[in-house]
Protein backbone atom coordinates (compact mmCIF):
# COMPACT_ATOMS: atom_id res chain seq x y z
CA UNK A 1 92.81 100.62 101.07
CA UNK A 2 91.14 103.17 103.25
CA UNK A 3 89.76 100.83 105.91
CA UNK A 4 93.11 99.18 106.66
CA UNK A 5 94.24 100.26 110.12
CA UNK A 6 97.63 101.90 110.40
CA UNK A 7 100.06 99.26 111.55
CA UNK A 8 103.49 99.59 113.05
CA UNK A 9 105.44 98.40 110.03
CA UNK A 10 105.03 98.04 106.26
CA UNK A 11 104.80 94.24 106.37
CA UNK A 12 101.93 94.28 108.87
CA UNK A 13 100.18 96.94 106.78
CA UNK A 14 100.54 94.77 103.67
CA UNK A 15 99.14 91.72 105.51
CA UNK A 16 96.14 93.71 106.74
CA UNK A 17 95.58 95.20 103.28
CA UNK A 18 95.54 91.72 101.74
CA UNK A 19 93.23 90.47 104.52
CA UNK A 20 90.84 93.34 103.82
CA UNK A 21 90.93 92.62 100.10
CA UNK A 22 90.22 88.91 100.67
CA UNK A 23 87.44 89.80 103.09
CA UNK A 24 85.78 91.90 100.41
CA UNK A 25 85.67 88.86 98.13
CA UNK A 26 83.74 86.84 100.72
CA UNK A 27 84.32 83.35 102.02
CA UNK A 28 84.81 80.05 100.20
CA UNK A 29 87.49 81.52 97.95
CA UNK A 30 90.56 79.81 96.50
CA UNK A 31 94.04 80.53 97.82
CA UNK A 32 95.56 83.76 96.49
CA UNK A 33 99.26 84.51 96.05
CA UNK A 34 100.78 88.00 96.09
CA UNK A 35 104.18 89.41 95.25
CA UNK A 36 105.26 92.19 97.60
CA UNK A 37 107.22 95.01 96.00
CA UNK A 38 108.77 98.16 97.42
CA UNK A 39 106.26 100.93 96.68
CA UNK A 40 108.85 103.69 96.11
CA UNK A 41 110.85 101.48 93.76
CA UNK A 42 107.68 100.51 91.90
CA UNK A 43 106.74 104.18 91.43
CA UNK A 44 110.17 105.07 90.05
CA UNK A 45 110.76 101.99 87.87
CA UNK A 46 107.20 101.23 86.71
CA UNK A 47 105.27 104.54 86.79
CA UNK A 48 102.48 103.28 84.50
CA UNK A 49 101.86 100.24 86.71
CA UNK A 50 102.04 102.42 89.83
CA UNK A 51 99.43 104.75 88.33
CA UNK A 52 97.23 101.79 87.41
CA UNK A 53 97.45 100.63 91.05
CA UNK A 54 96.64 104.12 92.36
CA UNK A 55 100.10 104.75 93.80
CA UNK A 56 100.76 108.23 92.41
CA UNK A 57 100.97 109.82 95.91
CA UNK A 58 104.67 110.42 96.39
CA UNK A 59 104.30 111.43 100.02
CA UNK A 60 104.73 107.80 101.09
CA UNK A 61 108.44 107.09 101.43
CA UNK A 62 108.11 103.48 102.57
CA UNK A 63 105.71 100.65 102.12
CA UNK A 64 104.99 97.44 100.32
CA UNK A 65 102.58 97.01 97.47
CA UNK A 66 100.90 93.61 97.13
CA UNK A 67 100.40 92.48 93.53
CA UNK A 68 98.12 89.49 93.07
CA UNK A 69 99.58 86.71 90.95
CA UNK A 70 97.87 84.25 88.65
CA UNK A 71 95.49 81.80 90.25
CA UNK A 72 96.90 79.18 92.59
CA UNK A 73 96.21 75.81 90.97
CA UNK A 74 93.62 73.72 92.77
CA UNK A 75 94.79 70.43 91.27
CA UNK A 76 98.12 70.50 93.09
CA UNK A 77 98.90 70.42 96.82
CA UNK A 78 99.76 73.89 98.10
CA UNK A 79 103.23 72.87 99.33
CA UNK A 80 104.00 71.31 95.92
CA UNK A 81 102.87 74.49 94.16
CA UNK A 82 104.95 76.73 96.43
CA UNK A 83 107.97 74.56 95.63
CA UNK A 84 107.71 75.60 91.97
CA UNK A 85 107.88 79.36 92.55
CA UNK A 86 110.90 81.53 91.80
CA UNK A 87 110.67 85.28 92.32
CA UNK A 88 112.52 87.98 90.36
CA UNK A 89 114.83 90.30 92.30
CA UNK A 90 112.27 93.14 92.25
CA UNK A 91 110.01 91.10 94.53
CA UNK A 92 111.01 91.78 98.14
CA UNK A 93 108.45 89.43 99.68
CA UNK A 94 105.37 87.36 99.07
CA UNK A 95 102.08 86.64 100.75
CA UNK A 96 99.41 83.99 100.56
CA UNK A 97 95.84 84.02 101.76
CA UNK A 98 94.13 80.69 102.24
CA UNK A 99 91.03 79.37 104.01
CA UNK A 100 91.21 76.30 106.23
CA UNK A 101 89.32 74.44 108.91
CA UNK A 102 91.03 74.44 112.28
CA UNK A 103 90.42 72.63 115.53
CA UNK A 104 91.27 73.86 119.01
CA UNK A 105 94.29 72.21 120.68
CA UNK A 106 91.90 70.32 122.97
CA UNK A 107 90.70 68.31 119.95
CA UNK A 108 94.16 66.84 119.25
CA UNK A 109 93.58 63.96 121.63
CA UNK A 110 90.33 63.09 119.82
CA UNK A 111 91.87 62.47 116.39
CA UNK A 112 91.39 58.80 115.49
CA UNK A 113 94.64 56.94 114.85
CA UNK A 114 95.60 56.14 111.29
CA UNK A 115 93.66 58.95 109.61
CA UNK A 116 95.43 60.87 106.91
CA UNK A 117 94.65 62.85 103.78
CA UNK A 118 91.02 62.89 102.74
CA UNK A 119 89.82 60.89 105.76
CA UNK A 120 91.42 63.33 108.19
CA UNK A 121 89.97 66.29 106.26
CA UNK A 122 86.51 64.74 106.41
CA UNK A 123 86.86 64.06 110.15
CA UNK A 124 87.92 67.67 110.84
CA UNK A 125 85.06 69.01 108.69
CA UNK A 126 82.54 67.07 110.75
CA UNK A 127 84.02 67.96 114.17
CA UNK A 128 81.65 70.15 116.24
CA UNK A 129 84.49 72.44 117.44
CA UNK A 130 85.89 73.22 113.98
CA UNK A 131 86.48 76.84 113.02
CA UNK A 132 86.68 78.22 109.50
CA UNK A 133 89.60 80.63 109.25
CA UNK A 134 91.24 82.77 106.62
CA UNK A 135 94.98 83.05 107.07
CA UNK A 136 97.09 85.68 105.37
CA UNK A 137 100.81 85.08 105.75
CA UNK A 138 103.61 87.23 104.35
CA UNK A 139 107.39 86.91 104.38
CA UNK A 140 110.22 89.10 103.17
CA UNK A 141 113.48 87.93 101.64
CA UNK A 142 115.27 88.81 104.89
CA UNK A 143 113.08 86.35 106.82
CA UNK A 144 110.74 88.90 108.40
CA UNK A 145 107.21 87.58 108.59
CA UNK A 146 103.75 88.54 109.68
CA UNK A 147 100.29 87.05 109.47
CA UNK A 148 96.62 87.74 110.02
CA UNK A 149 93.97 85.21 110.99
CA UNK A 150 90.26 85.89 110.66
CA UNK A 151 87.57 83.56 112.00
CA UNK A 152 84.50 83.20 109.83
CA UNK A 153 82.24 83.42 112.87
CA UNK A 154 83.88 86.73 113.88
CA UNK A 155 84.26 88.22 110.42
CA UNK A 156 85.12 91.79 111.34
CA UNK A 157 88.24 93.93 110.79
CA UNK A 158 88.41 94.52 114.53
CA UNK A 159 88.56 90.76 115.20
CA UNK A 160 91.60 90.00 113.02
CA UNK A 161 94.46 88.47 114.98
CA UNK A 162 97.95 89.47 113.79
CA UNK A 163 101.43 88.32 114.66
CA UNK A 164 104.60 86.89 113.15
CA UNK A 165 104.23 83.35 114.52
CA UNK A 166 100.54 82.53 114.00
CA UNK A 167 101.09 80.22 111.02
CA UNK A 168 104.76 79.21 111.18
CA UNK A 169 104.59 76.28 108.75
CA UNK A 170 103.09 78.38 105.99
CA UNK A 171 105.56 81.19 106.69
CA UNK A 172 108.44 78.72 106.29
CA UNK A 173 106.98 77.42 103.02
CA UNK A 174 106.70 80.96 101.68
CA UNK A 175 110.25 81.81 102.81
CA UNK A 176 111.49 78.76 100.89
CA UNK A 177 110.24 80.35 97.65
CA UNK A 178 113.15 82.81 97.94
CA UNK A 179 115.85 80.18 98.43
CA UNK A 180 118.08 79.11 95.54
């Protein structure tokens, strides 16, 4: 994608490419799951698919290609769904983009006791300090991870926060999809 800034490593580039793709779809979207494959290997082993994805340029000697998977089911909790995934060996990593409501750390002390599930979700949704965010998290089989977080109120490519530890729980859940 031409607007994706050049990042220091292939995993960060893949995360930013997925973030840009999700941004182009707009907000209020379902979660999206991606397999990450080695671009050079894809070109050599699946040339027709590589051509379909626009990856004919052989000048790139490294990189990861995100391939969107079937829809993430909305009738199952995300952690339950992730627990059902098994990746073939050709998949070197995976990524997920998901929208959530977040509260600042200062709101933790305001959470009423005994709220869980739907009641907690409703309370967060009505909190005046809530922020709508899109999180894109990616992990590789070797445990490397990266993520991008975009606030709805600052929906601009220059306002995307990146880093390996922004969404550690989701990164761990994705990493678990590679465990036997």
